[in-house]
C-alpha atoms as a PDB file:
ATOM      1  CA  MET A   1     159.671  68.241  44.259  1.00  0.00           C
ATOM      2  CA  SER A   2     163.136  69.225  42.964  1.00  0.00           C
ATOM      3  CA  GLN A   3     164.654  67.629  39.908  1.00  0.00           C
ATOM      4  CA  LEU A   4     168.224  67.640  38.679  1.00  0.00           C
ATOM      5  CA  ILE A   5     168.597  69.066  35.189  1.00  0.00           C
ATOM      6  CA  THR A   6     171.926  68.955  33.407  1.00  0.00           C
ATOM      7  CA  LEU A   7     172.300  70.989  30.226  1.00  0.00           C
ATOM      8  CA  ASN A   8     175.403  70.303  28.136  1.00  0.00           C
ATOM      9  CA  ASN A   9     176.159  71.680  24.676  1.00  0.00           C
ATOM     10  CA  ILE A  10     172.615  72.875  24.066  1.00  0.00           C
ATOM     11  CA  ASP A  11     172.113  76.035  22.007  1.00  0.00           C
ATOM     12  CA  SER A  12     168.750  76.889  23.527  1.00  0.00           C
ATOM     13  CA  VAL A  13     166.195  75.381  25.837  1.00  0.00           C
ATOM     14  CA  ALA A  14     162.480  76.130  25.706  1.00  0.00           C
ATOM     15  CA  VAL A  15     161.377  75.243  29.217  1.00  0.00           C
ATOM     16  CA  ASP A  16     158.869  77.648  30.741  1.00  0.00           C
ATOM     17  CA  SER A  17     159.101  76.152  34.228  1.00  0.00           C
ATOM     18  CA  LEU A  18     162.893  75.863  34.493  1.00  0.00           C
ATOM     19  CA  ALA A  19     163.063  78.669  37.089  1.00  0.00           C
ATOM     20  CA  ALA A  20     160.761  76.735  39.392  1.00  0.00           C
ATOM     21  CA  LEU A  21     163.169  73.799  39.336  1.00  0.00           C
ATOM     22  CA  VAL A  22     166.275  75.736  40.359  1.00  0.00           C
ATOM     23  CA  THR A  23     165.872  76.086  44.108  1.00  0.00           C
ATOM     24  CA  ASP A  24     169.509  76.133  45.202  1.00  0.00           C
ATOM     25  CA  ASN A  25     172.865  77.002  43.684  1.00  0.00           C
ATOM     26  CA  ALA A  26     173.268  76.646  39.933  1.00  0.00           C
ATOM     27  CA  THR A  27     176.460  76.628  37.898  1.00  0.00           C
ATOM     28  CA  LEU A  28     176.351  77.664  34.262  1.00  0.00           C
ATOM     29  CA  ASP A  29     179.477  77.339  32.132  1.00  0.00           C
ATOM     30  CA  GLY A  30     179.964  79.241  28.895  1.00  0.00           C
ATOM     31  CA  VAL A  31     177.950  82.166  27.590  1.00  0.00           C
ATOM     32  CA  THR A  32     174.605  82.560  29.346  1.00  0.00           C
ATOM     33  CA  THR A  33     171.906  84.769  27.853  1.00  0.00           C
ATOM     34  CA  LEU A  34     169.028  85.925  30.031  1.00  0.00           C
ATOM     35  CA  GLY A  35     165.966  87.713  28.768  1.00  0.00           C
ATOM     36  CA  ALA A  36     165.368  89.208  32.213  1.00  0.00           C
ATOM     37  CA  ALA A  37     166.746  88.767  35.704  1.00  0.00           C
ATOM     38  CA  THR A  38     165.778  90.038  39.133  1.00  0.00           C
ATOM     39  CA  GLU A  39     167.583  90.173  42.453  1.00  0.00           C
ATOM     40  CA  ILE A  40     166.073  89.902  45.912  1.00  0.00           C
ATOM     41  CA  THR A  41     166.604  92.999  48.067  1.00  0.00           C
ATOM     42  CA  SER A  42     166.955  92.193  51.750  1.00  0.00           C
ATOM     43  CA  LEU A  43     166.760  94.183  54.926  1.00  0.00           C
ATOM     44  CA  PRO A  44     169.982  93.610  56.866  1.00  0.00           C
ATOM     45  CA  THR A  45     170.060  92.376  60.452  1.00  0.00           C
ATOM     46  CA  PHE A  46     170.778  95.144  62.970  1.00  0.00           C
ATOM     47  CA  VAL A  47     171.971  94.276  66.466  1.00  0.00           C
ATOM     48  CA  GLU A  48     170.844  96.763  69.119  1.00  0.00           C
ATOM     49  CA  GLY A  49     173.806  98.517  70.749  1.00  0.00           C
ATOM     50  CA  VAL A  50     176.328  97.014  68.303  1.00  0.00           C
ATOM     51  CA  ASP A  51     177.910  98.981  65.478  1.00  0.00           C
ATOM     52  CA  HIS A  52     177.887  96.172  62.933  1.00  0.00           C
ATOM     53  CA  VAL A  53     175.185  95.095  60.532  1.00  0.00           C
ATOM     54  CA  THR A  54     174.956  91.517  59.243  1.00  0.00           C
ATOM     55  CA  HIS A  55     174.406  91.005  55.499  1.00  0.00           C
ATOM     56  CA  ASP A  56     173.702  87.341  54.669  1.00  0.00           C
ATOM     57  CA  ILE A  57     174.906  86.722  51.110  1.00  0.00           C
ATOM     58  CA  SER A  58     173.058  83.380  50.988  1.00  0.00           C
ATOM     59  CA  GLN A  59     169.798  85.374  51.113  1.00  0.00           C
ATOM     60  CA  SER A  60     170.662  88.298  48.845  1.00  0.00           C
ATOM     61  CA  SER A  61     173.503  90.478  47.657  1.00  0.00           C
ATOM     62  CA  VAL A  62     171.506  93.736  47.652  1.00  0.00           C
ATOM     63  CA  PHE A  63     170.583  95.245  51.017  1.00  0.00           C
ATOM     64  CA  SER A  64     168.367  98.234  51.763  1.00  0.00           C
ATOM     65  CA  HIS A  65     169.226 100.450  54.750  1.00  0.00           C
ATOM     66  CA  SER A  66     167.190 103.288  56.240  1.00  0.00           C
ATOM     67  CA  ALA A  67     167.027 105.211  59.510  1.00  0.00           C
ATOM     68  CA  LEU A  68     170.721 104.733  60.251  1.00  0.00           C
ATOM     69  CA  ILE A  69     171.966 106.543  63.358  1.00  0.00           C
ATOM     70  CA  ALA A  70     175.728 106.034  62.980  1.00  0.00           C
ATOM     71  CA  ASP A  71     178.489 104.781  60.723  1.00  0.00           C
ATOM     72  CA  PHE A  72     178.681 100.996  60.878  1.00  0.00           C
ATOM     73  CA  THR A  73     180.674  97.865  60.110  1.00  0.00           C
ATOM     74  CA  ALA A  74     179.173  95.855  57.252  1.00  0.00           C
ATOM     75  CA  ASN A  75     179.610  92.163  58.130  1.00  0.00           C
ATOM     76  CA  PHE A  76     179.008  89.872  55.137  1.00  0.00           C
ATOM     77  CA  THR A  77     178.202  86.294  56.119  1.00  0.00           C
ATOM     78  CA  ASN A  78     177.861  83.077  54.097  1.00  0.00           C
ATOM     79  CA  VAL A  79     180.174  84.417  51.391  1.00  0.00           C
ATOM     80  CA  PRO A  80     181.480  81.602  49.157  1.00  0.00           C
ATOM     81  CA  THR A  81     185.206  81.084  49.769  1.00  0.00           C
ATOM     82  CA  THR A  82     186.109  79.423  46.470  1.00  0.00           C
ATOM     83  CA  ASN A  83     189.404  80.848  45.216  1.00  0.00           C
ATOM     84  CA  ASP A  84     189.645  82.743  41.926  1.00  0.00           C
ATOM     85  CA  ARG A  85     186.114  84.123  42.224  1.00  0.00           C
ATOM     86  CA  THR A  86     184.434  87.465  42.827  1.00  0.00           C
ATOM     87  CA  VAL A  87     181.276  88.238  44.764  1.00  0.00           C
ATOM     88  CA  SER A  88     179.358  91.487  44.280  1.00  0.00           C
ATOM     89  CA  ALA A  89     177.190  93.142  46.927  1.00  0.00           C
ATOM     90  CA  ALA A  90     175.422  96.493  47.188  1.00  0.00           C
ATOM     91  CA  LEU A  91     174.070  98.542  50.080  1.00  0.00           C
ATOM     92  CA  ILE A  92     171.263 100.958  49.216  1.00  0.00           C
ATOM     93  CA  ILE A  93     171.309 103.607  51.943  1.00  0.00           C
ATOM     94  CA  SER A  94     168.422 106.074  52.291  1.00  0.00           C
ATOM     95  CA  GLN A  95     170.150 108.981  54.008  1.00  0.00           C
ATOM     96  CA  GLY A  96     168.482 111.484  56.319  1.00  0.00           C
ATOM     97  CA  ALA A  97     169.693 114.841  57.631  1.00  0.00           C
ATOM     98  CA  THR A  98     173.016 113.195  58.526  1.00  0.00           C
ATOM     99  CA  GLY A  99     174.658 110.686  56.189  1.00  0.00           C
ATOM    100  CA  TYR A 100     176.286 107.468  57.368  1.00  0.00           C
ATOM    101  CA  LEU A 101     178.580 104.913  55.755  1.00  0.00           C
ATOM    102  CA  PRO A 102     179.932 101.446  56.262  1.00  0.00           C
ATOM    103  CA  THR A 103     183.317 102.648  57.533  1.00  0.00           C
ATOM    104  CA  ALA A 104     184.570  99.134  58.217  1.00  0.00           C
ATOM    105  CA  MET A 105     183.927  95.768  56.601  1.00  0.00           C
ATOM    106  CA  GLN A 106     184.051  92.146  57.701  1.00  0.00           C
ATOM    107  CA  ILE A 107     183.646  88.820  55.949  1.00  0.00           C
ATOM    108  CA  ALA A 108     182.334  86.199  58.383  1.00  0.00           C
ATOM    109  CA  GLY A 109     183.412  88.411  61.288  1.00  0.00           C
ATOM    110  CA  THR A 110     187.004  88.872  60.050  1.00  0.00           C
ATOM    111  CA  THR A 111     187.984  92.489  59.420  1.00  0.00           C
ATOM    112  CA  GLN A 112     188.906  93.388  55.832  1.00  0.00           C
ATOM    113  CA  THR A 113     190.529  96.500  54.399  1.00  0.00           C
ATOM    114  CA  ILE A 114     188.208  98.502  52.148  1.00  0.00           C
ATOM    115  CA  LEU A 115     189.926  99.822  49.023  1.00  0.00           C
ATOM    116  CA  TRP A 116     187.712 102.781  48.074  1.00  0.00           C
ATOM    117  CA  GLN A 117     187.482 103.993  44.486  1.00  0.00           C
ATOM    118  CA  GLY A 118     189.920 106.870  43.990  1.00  0.00           C
ATOM    119  CA  ALA A 119     191.748 105.844  47.190  1.00  0.00           C
ATOM    120  CA  VAL A 120     189.544 108.229  49.221  1.00  0.00           C
ATOM    121  CA  VAL A 121     186.804 107.377  51.718  1.00  0.00           C
ATOM    122  CA  PRO A 122     183.667 109.010  50.271  1.00  0.00           C
ATOM    123  CA  VAL A 123     181.462 111.528  52.051  1.00  0.00           C
ATOM    124  CA  PRO A 124     177.918 110.226  52.582  1.00  0.00           C
ATOM    125  CA  SER A 125     175.018 112.184  51.122  1.00  0.00           C
ATOM    126  CA  ILE A 126     172.401 114.155  53.034  1.00  0.00           C
ATOM    127  CA  ASN A 127     168.689 113.609  52.291  1.00  0.00           C
ATOM    128  CA  ALA A 128     169.495 111.450  49.265  1.00  0.00           C
ATOM    129  CA  THR A 129     170.174 107.798  48.467  1.00  0.00           C
ATOM    130  CA  ASP A 130     173.681 106.368  48.378  1.00  0.00           C
ATOM    131  CA  VAL A 131     174.549 103.046  46.796  1.00  0.00           C
ATOM    132  CA  VAL A 132     177.728 101.480  48.119  1.00  0.00           C
ATOM    133  CA  SER A 133     178.952  98.723  45.825  1.00  0.00           C
ATOM    134  CA  PHE A 134     181.412  96.090  47.017  1.00  0.00           C
ATOM    135  CA  THR A 135     183.408  93.668  44.899  1.00  0.00           C
ATOM    136  CA  LEU A 136     184.899  90.894  47.019  1.00  0.00           C
ATOM    137  CA  LEU A 137     187.850  89.244  45.273  1.00  0.00           C
ATOM    138  CA  ARG A 138     189.044  85.837  46.513  1.00  0.00           C
ATOM    139  CA  PHE A 139     192.557  84.801  45.462  1.00  0.00           C
ATOM    140  CA  GLY A 140     195.026  82.519  47.239  1.00  0.00           C
ATOM    141  CA  GLY A 141     192.766  82.152  50.276  1.00  0.00           C
ATOM    142  CA  ALA A 142     192.716  85.916  50.900  1.00  0.00           C
ATOM    143  CA  TRP A 143     190.178  88.665  50.268  1.00  0.00           C
ATOM    144  CA  THR A 144     190.571  91.987  48.497  1.00  0.00           C
ATOM    145  CA  VAL A 145     187.614  94.353  48.953  1.00  0.00           C
ATOM    146  CA  LEU A 146     186.901  97.081  46.394  1.00  0.00           C
ATOM    147  CA  ALA A 147     184.201  99.660  47.122  1.00  0.00           C
ATOM    148  CA  SER A 148     182.580 102.702  45.539  1.00  0.00           C
ATOM    149  CA  LEU A 149     179.743 105.072  46.420  1.00  0.00           C
ATOM    150  CA  ILE A 150     177.267 106.617  44.001  1.00  0.00           C
ATOM    151  CA  LYS A 151     174.783 109.294  45.090  1.00  0.00           C
ATOM    152  CA  PHE A 152     171.202 109.419  43.759  1.00  0.00           C
ATOM    153  CA  GLY A 153     168.638 112.141  44.427  1.00  0.00           C
ATOM    154  CA  SER A 154     168.800 115.689  45.755  1.00  0.00           C
ATOM    155  CA  VAL A 155     171.831 117.925  45.419  1.00  0.00           C
END
């Protein structure tokens, strides 16, 4: 059974079961201090014979990819469209003998331009793990997509 809890102007709350009560979206205004936080890592939805991969932001914002066979279009769905907000997402890509990247990006099926860090499309790693981080900026009803790639593992 869900309950509505409203916290206004409270310095601290000692409620051990608060996490069990928040089952949907929560809005916290002001400074929020967390002792620990975790994020769900999801497996994205692959469509056989199609070069795009669906990443449902309502389920997670961190997605684990493995056994890729080609570059792909990352399609982010259920992204909040409130103006003057940012949404962060990350793709953890376990690379094999050939590295692959999200070379195109969509939000709800609409193509977006990826602005890569350093203004250069990165080279995917080989036999290592790449993390592609996206920051989706929403201003004036339009998206700006910033992206970077960090390599982890073997040289």
